[in-house]
């Protein structure tokens, strides 16, 4: 008897799940229900399409619908919003259509956070999470002279850069006293200086109200106001899991579904993947909501394989990310010092600034490296910021975190050397050696005699 798989969501996780299920079970009936007009595209590329770096929207689409429908025999339903899911009858309802399922994969992603303010439905107030939204925005950028980006996280800063690239005067506002809460303050301060070189930045400025007018949108902040042609809301995302509320599945307080390493929820016929789930964080040894593209693809692949009767498992994340902020690269993995201490680790940070290449080679730039670790050498995280060499080095720290290696291992790594790419002691080696020295010094301090004892 043919089994029915229904996938809710046609993004990275959903289409990876459907494709993996087809490879695992060639005879399975597979339906994907996607609310938007596009499926299987690079969400992370949207700011670069808006900036014009990516000239064509089609470049962001991994595979056309025909590839899924004709070659992979996946029934892809676009512009089909799911209204409800019946947990007893095991049916997904979308408009007049009903899709019975033996197995359901929830890959509904995450939705932008939109404040409950009057005026947010004005067409000049936008979020950028879908390709059709990005296309609509770029089509009317010629009429935009001034814009405000609300939110100074990595998406907000990417959007600020994209708009500046289009010749638009940009103001970035955030209610926090700093940019990029995903890194420690010392690293964020470097990013802040870079942002201020390219656009106006107002920190400790919360959005209070939006007043659309015929000629502009009047943006009211608790620190003042401004008139703009465009408002971009970049306040983060929340998991889109309301459709499964009747299933009463365990979840984090924000709604991110809890799954095992096979992407199974507590319902025997429901799996979940992508930005709507909590991922196992290997450093925290617990669930965490970290909505990033690589994990969405991987968890989708696992969910689809398992849904079709195969065996696969997801080993978890360490929270690795990299972002371009104008001329800077900002990369981080694992825990920040603040997050590590909040999680109960006795954490410290070691900071160095080194050249990204041999100092005599053209293009060598200062690279700031921060290693977060314990006094016993347990590695907890790393952050890098600079104009050259950060992206490839964060992956080395991520690999060490994934495998449970520590500061001594990082110092001993046999890393590649050539003057165009690294000094003879790589910045990571230098940072690990500095951490070793600091730990040794602290250990000697603990061993030093006290109260006039013999020396």
Protein backbone atom coordinates (compact mmCIF):
# COMPACT_ATOMS: atom_id res chain seq x y z
CA UNK A 1 0.00 0.00 0.00
CA UNK A 2 1.35 3.45 -0.95
CA UNK A 3 2.20 5.65 2.03
CA UNK A 4 1.45 9.38 1.93
CA UNK A 5 4.04 11.91 3.04
CA UNK A 6 2.98 15.54 3.35
CA UNK A 7 5.59 18.24 3.88
CA UNK A 8 4.50 21.67 5.09
CA UNK A 9 6.95 24.23 3.74
CA UNK A 10 8.90 24.37 0.49
CA UNK A 11 12.06 26.02 1.76
CA UNK A 12 15.46 24.47 2.33
CA UNK A 13 14.29 21.99 4.96
CA UNK A 14 11.04 21.04 3.21
CA UNK A 15 12.49 20.39 -0.24
CA UNK A 16 15.49 18.57 1.26
CA UNK A 17 13.03 16.37 3.16
CA UNK A 18 10.92 15.64 0.10
CA UNK A 19 13.97 14.85 -2.04
CA UNK A 20 15.50 12.59 0.61
CA UNK A 21 12.20 10.76 1.02
CA UNK A 22 12.03 10.16 -2.74
CA UNK A 23 15.56 8.72 -2.77
CA UNK A 24 14.72 6.47 0.16
CA UNK A 25 11.33 5.25 -1.08
CA UNK A 26 10.79 5.56 -4.86
CA UNK A 27 7.15 4.51 -4.50
CA UNK A 28 6.04 6.89 -1.77
CA UNK A 29 3.41 9.56 -2.48
CA UNK A 30 4.99 12.92 -1.58
CA UNK A 31 3.21 16.28 -1.45
CA UNK A 32 4.81 19.60 -0.49
CA UNK A 33 2.50 22.48 0.43
CA UNK A 34 4.18 25.90 0.21
CA UNK A 35 2.45 29.22 0.97
CA UNK A 36 4.65 31.33 -1.30
CA UNK A 37 5.10 31.38 -5.09
CA UNK A 38 8.66 30.00 -4.95
CA UNK A 39 10.33 26.93 -3.44
CA UNK A 40 13.90 25.86 -2.82
CA UNK A 41 15.69 29.21 -2.89
CA UNK A 42 18.51 30.83 -0.95
CA UNK A 43 16.97 33.03 1.74
CA UNK A 44 20.44 34.13 2.84
CA UNK A 45 21.04 35.56 -0.63
CA UNK A 46 18.12 38.00 -0.48
CA UNK A 47 20.13 41.02 0.77
CA UNK A 48 22.62 40.52 -2.07
CA UNK A 49 19.81 40.41 -4.61
CA UNK A 50 18.44 43.65 -3.18
CA UNK A 51 21.88 45.27 -3.34
CA UNK A 52 22.27 44.27 -6.99
CA UNK A 53 25.28 42.01 -6.37
CA UNK A 54 23.02 39.15 -7.51
CA UNK A 55 21.36 40.61 -10.61
CA UNK A 56 18.66 38.01 -11.23
CA UNK A 57 16.18 36.54 -8.74
CA UNK A 58 16.29 33.19 -10.56
CA UNK A 59 19.93 32.84 -9.54
CA UNK A 60 18.75 32.22 -5.98
CA UNK A 61 16.48 29.32 -6.93
CA UNK A 62 18.25 26.01 -6.41
CA UNK A 63 15.95 23.97 -8.64
CA UNK A 64 12.88 24.92 -10.70
CA UNK A 65 9.46 23.46 -9.78
CA UNK A 66 9.59 21.20 -12.85
CA UNK A 67 12.63 19.42 -11.44
CA UNK A 68 10.65 18.39 -8.39
CA UNK A 69 7.38 17.66 -10.16
CA UNK A 70 8.59 15.86 -13.27
CA UNK A 71 11.93 14.30 -12.39
CA UNK A 72 11.48 13.62 -8.68
CA UNK A 73 7.73 13.00 -8.81
CA UNK A 74 7.05 15.37 -5.90
CA UNK A 75 3.64 17.04 -5.94
CA UNK A 76 4.72 20.61 -5.23
CA UNK A 77 1.78 22.92 -4.45
CA UNK A 78 2.82 26.59 -4.54
CA UNK A 79 0.77 29.50 -3.16
CA UNK A 80 -1.11 26.99 -1.01
CA UNK A 81 -1.52 28.24 2.55
CA UNK A 82 -2.20 25.56 5.14
CA UNK A 83 -5.27 26.47 7.19
CA UNK A 84 -5.15 23.68 9.76
CA UNK A 85 -3.86 20.22 10.50
CA UNK A 86 -6.19 17.61 12.02
CA UNK A 87 -4.14 15.42 14.40
CA UNK A 88 -6.84 12.74 14.74
CA UNK A 89 -7.75 12.29 11.07
CA UNK A 90 -4.15 13.05 9.98
CA UNK A 91 -5.19 15.48 7.29
CA UNK A 92 -3.65 18.78 6.17
CA UNK A 93 -6.23 21.31 4.94
CA UNK A 94 -5.33 24.06 2.47
CA UNK A 95 -8.24 26.02 1.03
CA UNK A 96 -10.56 23.52 -0.63
CA UNK A 97 -7.84 20.85 -0.71
CA UNK A 98 -7.33 18.09 1.83
CA UNK A 99 -4.08 16.11 2.01
CA UNK A 100 -4.25 12.92 4.09
CA UNK A 101 -0.91 11.80 5.48
CA UNK A 102 0.64 8.72 6.99
CA UNK A 103 3.69 10.81 7.86
CA UNK A 104 3.93 14.59 8.21
CA UNK A 105 7.14 16.63 8.06
CA UNK A 106 6.73 20.08 9.53
CA UNK A 107 9.19 22.38 7.73
CA UNK A 108 7.26 25.62 8.06
CA UNK A 109 10.33 27.68 8.94
CA UNK A 110 10.24 30.88 10.95
CA UNK A 111 8.34 34.13 10.47
CA UNK A 112 9.69 37.65 10.94
CA UNK A 113 8.85 39.34 14.22
CA UNK A 114 6.52 42.25 13.51
CA UNK A 115 5.68 44.67 16.33
CA UNK A 116 1.98 45.21 17.08
CA UNK A 117 1.93 48.79 15.85
CA UNK A 118 -0.47 50.68 13.64
CA UNK A 119 1.05 51.28 10.23
CA UNK A 120 3.00 48.02 9.91
CA UNK A 121 0.71 46.96 7.06
CA UNK A 122 1.73 49.97 4.96
CA UNK A 123 3.49 48.74 1.77
CA UNK A 124 6.50 50.91 2.65
CA UNK A 125 7.02 48.87 5.84
CA UNK A 126 8.61 45.55 4.89
CA UNK A 127 10.21 42.39 6.17
CA UNK A 128 12.53 40.39 3.95
CA UNK A 129 12.08 36.66 4.45
CA UNK A 130 10.65 35.51 1.09
CA UNK A 131 11.87 35.84 -2.47
CA UNK A 132 8.67 37.46 -3.70
CA UNK A 133 9.04 40.13 -1.00
CA UNK A 134 12.61 40.83 -2.13
CA UNK A 135 11.56 41.06 -5.77
CA UNK A 136 8.79 43.53 -4.93
CA UNK A 137 11.16 45.66 -2.86
CA UNK A 138 13.92 45.83 -5.46
CA UNK A 139 11.41 46.80 -8.14
CA UNK A 140 10.58 50.01 -6.29
CA UNK A 141 13.96 51.00 -4.83
CA UNK A 142 14.36 53.70 -7.47
CA UNK A 143 11.80 55.76 -5.56
CA UNK A 144 13.55 55.34 -2.20
CA UNK A 145 15.93 58.05 -1.04
CA UNK A 146 15.96 57.43 2.69
CA UNK A 147 15.34 54.26 4.69
CA UNK A 148 15.41 53.09 8.27
CA UNK A 149 16.37 49.55 9.28
CA UNK A 150 14.94 48.52 12.64
CA UNK A 151 17.27 45.96 14.20
CA UNK A 152 21.08 45.84 14.28
CA UNK A 153 21.52 42.08 14.17
CA UNK A 154 23.22 40.41 11.24
CA UNK A 155 20.12 40.50 8.99
CA UNK A 156 19.55 44.17 9.75
CA UNK A 157 23.17 45.04 9.02
CA UNK A 158 23.12 43.01 5.79
CA UNK A 159 20.02 44.92 4.70
CA UNK A 160 21.60 48.24 5.66
CA UNK A 161 24.59 47.45 3.47
CA UNK A 162 22.32 46.35 0.61
CA UNK A 163 20.41 49.64 0.68
CA UNK A 164 23.58 51.72 0.95
CA UNK A 165 24.88 49.88 -2.13
CA UNK A 166 21.77 51.14 -3.94
CA UNK A 167 22.65 54.74 -3.07
CA UNK A 168 20.05 55.07 -0.31
CA UNK A 169 20.64 57.09 2.86
CA UNK A 170 20.21 54.58 5.68
CA UNK A 171 19.62 54.86 9.42
CA UNK A 172 19.92 51.74 11.56
CA UNK A 173 18.13 51.78 14.91
CA UNK A 174 18.13 49.28 17.77
CA UNK A 175 16.74 49.40 21.29
CA UNK A 176 19.92 47.78 22.65
CA UNK A 177 23.07 49.79 23.47
CA UNK A 178 25.10 47.75 20.94
CA UNK A 179 24.99 46.01 17.58
CA UNK A 180 25.08 42.23 17.02
CA UNK A 181 24.05 40.55 20.27
CA UNK A 182 25.41 37.26 18.88
CA UNK A 183 28.98 38.35 19.70
CA UNK A 184 30.56 39.80 22.83
CA UNK A 185 30.65 43.55 23.39
CA UNK A 186 34.37 43.88 22.59
CA UNK A 187 33.80 42.40 19.13
CA UNK A 188 30.54 44.30 18.63
CA UNK A 189 32.36 47.59 19.27
CA UNK A 190 34.56 46.94 16.22
CA UNK A 191 31.46 46.23 14.12
CA UNK A 192 29.77 49.38 15.41
CA UNK A 193 32.66 51.55 14.24
CA UNK A 194 32.42 50.00 10.78
CA UNK A 195 28.68 50.60 10.55
CA UNK A 196 29.04 54.23 11.57
CA UNK A 197 31.46 54.80 8.68
CA UNK A 198 28.74 53.91 6.17
CA UNK A 199 25.39 54.93 7.65
CA UNK A 200 23.73 56.56 10.63
CA UNK A 201 23.38 54.33 13.69
CA UNK A 202 21.06 55.08 16.58
CA UNK A 203 21.44 52.71 19.51
CA UNK A 204 19.22 52.63 22.59
CA UNK A 205 16.44 53.78 20.28
CA UNK A 206 13.27 51.72 20.42
CA UNK A 207 10.58 51.89 17.76
CA UNK A 208 7.49 53.49 19.29
CA UNK A 209 5.12 54.20 16.39
CA UNK A 210 4.76 54.35 12.63
CA UNK A 211 2.71 57.10 10.99
CA UNK A 212 2.31 56.56 7.22
CA UNK A 213 1.71 59.73 5.26
CA UNK A 214 1.31 60.35 1.55
CA UNK A 215 4.88 61.60 1.13
CA UNK A 216 6.73 59.51 3.76
CA UNK A 217 6.50 57.24 6.76
CA UNK A 218 7.04 59.14 9.99
CA UNK A 219 9.03 56.85 12.29
CA UNK A 220 8.73 57.66 15.97
CA UNK A 221 11.49 56.41 18.27
CA UNK A 222 11.82 56.91 21.99
CA UNK A 223 14.94 58.97 21.16
CA UNK A 224 13.44 61.13 18.42
CA UNK A 225 11.86 60.70 15.01
CA UNK A 226 12.60 60.71 11.28
CA UNK A 227 10.76 60.64 7.96
CA UNK A 228 11.69 57.91 5.49
CA UNK A 229 10.55 56.32 2.24
CA UNK A 230 11.11 52.77 3.47
CA UNK A 231 11.08 50.91 6.80
CA UNK A 232 12.77 47.52 7.00
CA UNK A 233 11.87 45.46 10.06
CA UNK A 234 14.75 43.17 11.03
CA UNK A 235 13.77 42.25 14.58
CA UNK A 236 14.46 38.53 14.35
CA UNK A 237 12.22 35.55 13.71
CA UNK A 238 9.91 33.19 15.57
CA UNK A 239 9.27 29.52 14.70
CA UNK A 240 6.11 29.04 12.64
CA UNK A 241 4.55 26.19 14.60
CA UNK A 242 1.03 27.40 15.38
CA UNK A 243 -0.45 24.86 12.95
CA UNK A 244 0.55 22.07 15.33
CA UNK A 245 -0.82 23.62 18.51
CA UNK A 246 -3.56 20.97 18.69
CA UNK A 247 -0.89 18.27 18.73
CA UNK A 248 0.39 19.58 22.11
CA UNK A 249 3.98 18.80 21.21
CA UNK A 250 6.87 19.73 23.53
CA UNK A 251 8.56 22.96 22.47
CA UNK A 252 10.73 25.79 23.71
CA UNK A 253 8.90 28.85 25.09
CA UNK A 254 9.16 30.55 21.67
CA UNK A 255 7.40 27.60 20.00
CA UNK A 256 10.44 25.83 18.51
CA UNK A 257 9.59 22.13 18.42
CA UNK A 258 11.68 19.67 20.37
CA UNK A 259 12.85 16.73 18.29
CA UNK A 260 15.23 13.81 18.72
CA UNK A 261 18.30 13.24 16.55
CA UNK A 262 16.08 11.55 13.95
CA UNK A 263 13.86 14.67 13.76
CA UNK A 264 10.95 12.88 15.42
CA UNK A 265 8.52 14.79 17.60
CA UNK A 266 6.55 13.05 20.34
CA UNK A 267 3.78 12.33 17.84
CA UNK A 268 4.61 9.00 16.15
CA UNK A 269 3.72 10.25 12.67
CA UNK A 270 5.06 13.81 12.83
CA UNK A 271 8.64 14.85 12.16
CA UNK A 272 9.98 18.40 11.97
CA UNK A 273 13.02 20.11 10.48
CA UNK A 274 14.55 23.48 9.73
CA UNK A 275 13.88 26.84 11.35
CA UNK A 276 10.77 25.65 13.21
CA UNK A 277 12.70 23.31 15.53
CA UNK A 278 15.15 23.56 18.40
CA UNK A 279 18.51 22.05 17.47
CA UNK A 280 20.75 20.06 19.77
CA UNK A 281 23.61 22.40 20.73
CA UNK A 282 26.74 20.34 21.33
CA UNK A 283 28.42 22.89 23.60
CA UNK A 284 25.34 23.55 25.73
CA UNK A 285 24.35 19.86 25.53
CA UNK A 286 20.74 20.92 25.15
CA UNK A 287 18.22 22.41 22.71
CA UNK A 288 18.71 25.86 21.22
CA UNK A 289 16.91 27.92 18.59
CA UNK A 290 19.56 28.77 15.99
CA UNK A 291 17.81 29.25 12.62
CA UNK A 292 20.55 28.96 9.99
CA UNK A 293 20.64 27.54 6.48
CA UNK A 294 23.10 24.62 6.77
CA UNK A 295 21.17 23.03 9.64
CA UNK A 296 17.88 23.50 7.79
CA UNK A 297 19.19 21.53 4.83
CA UNK A 298 20.74 18.82 7.00
CA UNK A 299 17.75 18.34 9.30
CA UNK A 300 15.43 18.27 6.29
CA UNK A 301 17.50 15.51 4.75
CA UNK A 302 17.34 13.50 7.97
CA UNK A 303 13.59 14.05 8.41
CA UNK A 304 12.81 12.98 4.86
CA UNK A 305 14.98 9.87 5.07
CA UNK A 306 13.39 8.78 8.34
CA UNK A 307 9.86 9.63 7.15
CA UNK A 308 10.33 7.28 4.20
CA UNK A 309 11.54 4.41 6.36
CA UNK A 310 15.29 4.97 6.21
CA UNK A 311 17.76 5.67 8.97
CA UNK A 312 19.60 8.95 9.47
CA UNK A 313 20.56 11.15 12.40
CA UNK A 314 21.58 14.76 12.98
CA UNK A 315 24.53 15.24 15.31
CA UNK A 316 23.74 18.79 16.31
CA UNK A 317 25.24 22.23 15.93
CA UNK A 318 27.81 24.43 17.63
CA UNK A 319 26.21 27.66 16.41
CA UNK A 320 28.57 28.70 13.63
CA UNK A 321 27.77 31.80 11.58
CA UNK A 322 29.54 34.40 9.47
CA UNK A 323 28.29 37.73 8.18
CA UNK A 324 29.63 40.46 5.92
CA UNK A 325 29.16 43.93 7.40
CA UNK A 326 30.33 46.40 4.77
CA UNK A 327 34.11 45.77 4.59
CA UNK A 328 34.26 43.58 7.71
CA UNK A 329 33.77 39.85 8.14
CA UNK A 330 32.30 38.85 11.49
CA UNK A 331 32.37 35.17 12.39
CA UNK A 332 31.48 33.27 15.53
CA UNK A 333 30.92 29.75 16.77
CA UNK A 334 30.03 28.12 20.06
CA UNK A 335 29.22 30.37 23.01
CA UNK A 336 30.06 33.99 23.64
CA UNK A 337 31.63 34.80 26.99
CA UNK A 338 28.35 36.28 28.19
CA UNK A 339 26.34 33.24 27.08
CA UNK A 340 28.86 30.80 28.55
CA UNK A 341 28.79 32.51 31.94
CA UNK A 342 24.98 32.70 31.82
CA UNK A 343 24.91 28.96 31.13
CA UNK A 344 26.95 28.26 34.26
CA UNK A 345 30.41 27.73 32.76
CA UNK A 346 33.38 29.23 34.60
CA UNK A 347 34.44 30.88 31.38
CA UNK A 348 37.12 33.39 30.48
CA UNK A 349 38.11 34.98 27.19
CA UNK A 350 41.50 35.35 25.55
CA UNK A 351 41.85 38.08 22.92
CA UNK A 352 44.61 38.73 20.41
CA UNK A 353 45.00 40.84 17.31
CA UNK A 354 47.25 39.38 14.63
CA UNK A 355 47.95 39.88 10.94
CA UNK A 356 45.76 37.81 8.61
CA UNK A 357 48.75 37.07 6.34
CA UNK A 358 52.52 37.34 6.63
CA UNK A 359 53.12 40.95 7.66
CA UNK A 360 55.28 41.62 4.61
CA UNK A 361 52.70 40.27 2.13
CA UNK A 362 50.29 42.73 0.46
CA UNK A 363 46.76 42.61 1.84
CA UNK A 364 47.68 41.66 5.41
CA UNK A 365 45.01 43.05 7.72
CA UNK A 366 44.52 43.08 11.49
CA UNK A 367 42.36 40.15 12.61
CA UNK A 368 40.84 40.16 16.06
CA UNK A 369 40.41 36.69 17.58
CA UNK A 370 38.59 35.88 20.80
CA UNK A 371 38.62 32.39 22.30
CA UNK A 372 36.12 31.58 25.04
CA UNK A 373 37.27 28.77 27.30
CA UNK A 374 37.52 27.44 30.83
CA UNK A 375 40.60 27.56 33.03
CA UNK A 376 41.14 23.86 32.38
CA UNK A 377 41.41 24.45 28.64
CA UNK A 378 37.91 23.36 27.63
CA UNK A 379 37.03 25.30 24.49
CA UNK A 380 33.57 26.93 24.53
CA UNK A 381 33.55 29.30 21.58
CA UNK A 382 35.35 31.68 19.28
CA UNK A 383 34.79 35.01 17.54
CA UNK A 384 36.73 36.69 14.75
CA UNK A 385 36.40 40.08 13.09
CA UNK A 386 38.50 41.69 10.39
CA UNK A 387 38.78 42.55 6.74
CA UNK A 388 40.61 39.38 5.77
CA UNK A 389 40.81 35.78 6.92
CA UNK A 390 37.96 35.42 9.41
CA UNK A 391 35.60 33.15 7.47
CA UNK A 392 37.91 30.18 6.93
CA UNK A 393 39.33 30.29 10.45
CA UNK A 394 36.00 30.13 12.26
CA UNK A 395 35.45 26.71 10.70
CA UNK A 396 38.60 25.42 12.40
CA UNK A 397 37.22 26.47 15.78
CA UNK A 398 33.85 24.96 14.87
CA UNK A 399 35.49 21.63 14.02
CA UNK A 400 37.31 21.66 17.35
CA UNK A 401 34.06 22.37 19.21
CA UNK A 402 32.17 19.67 17.31
CA UNK A 403 34.72 17.02 18.25
CA UNK A 404 35.23 18.20 21.84
CA UNK A 405 38.82 19.39 21.43
CA UNK A 406 40.32 22.09 23.61
CA UNK A 407 42.82 24.93 23.73
CA UNK A 408 45.86 22.63 23.74
CA UNK A 409 44.56 20.84 20.64
CA UNK A 410 43.93 24.14 18.87
CA UNK A 411 47.49 25.27 19.65
CA UNK A 412 48.84 21.99 18.27
CA UNK A 413 46.84 21.94 15.01
CA UNK A 414 48.99 21.65 11.88
CA UNK A 415 47.48 24.59 10.01
CA UNK A 416 48.41 25.58 6.47
CA UNK A 417 51.03 28.29 5.99
CA UNK A 418 51.99 30.42 3.03
CA UNK A 419 52.60 34.20 3.13
CA UNK A 420 49.51 35.08 0.99
CA UNK A 421 47.23 33.25 3.44
CA UNK A 422 48.73 33.26 6.93
CA UNK A 423 51.70 34.24 9.06
CA UNK A 424 53.90 31.30 10.09
CA UNK A 425 52.01 31.22 13.38
CA UNK A 426 48.37 31.39 12.31
CA UNK A 427 46.19 33.84 14.26
CA UNK A 428 44.34 30.84 15.73
CA UNK A 429 47.62 29.34 16.88
CA UNK A 430 48.60 32.67 18.41
CA UNK A 431 45.26 32.94 20.20
CA UNK A 432 45.51 29.39 21.56
CA UNK A 433 49.09 30.00 22.74
CA UNK A 434 47.97 33.20 24.46
CA UNK A 435 45.22 31.22 26.18
CA UNK A 436 47.73 28.60 27.30
CA UNK A 437 49.95 31.32 28.73
CA UNK A 438 47.04 32.96 30.55
CA UNK A 439 45.91 29.63 32.01
CA UNK A 440 49.44 28.80 33.14
CA UNK A 441 49.81 32.21 34.75
CA UNK A 442 46.47 31.85 36.52
CA UNK A 443 47.45 28.37 37.72
CA UNK A 444 50.72 29.69 39.18
CA UNK A 445 48.79 32.46 40.89
CA UNK A 446 46.53 29.89 42.55
CA UNK A 447 49.59 27.91 43.69
CA UNK A 448 51.45 30.93 45.13
CA UNK A 449 51.87 30.83 48.95
CA UNK A 450 49.76 33.22 50.97
CA UNK A 451 49.89 34.94 54.38
CA UNK A 452 53.69 35.22 54.57
CA UNK A 453 54.44 31.60 53.80
CA UNK A 454 57.79 30.44 52.45
CA UNK A 455 58.61 31.58 48.90
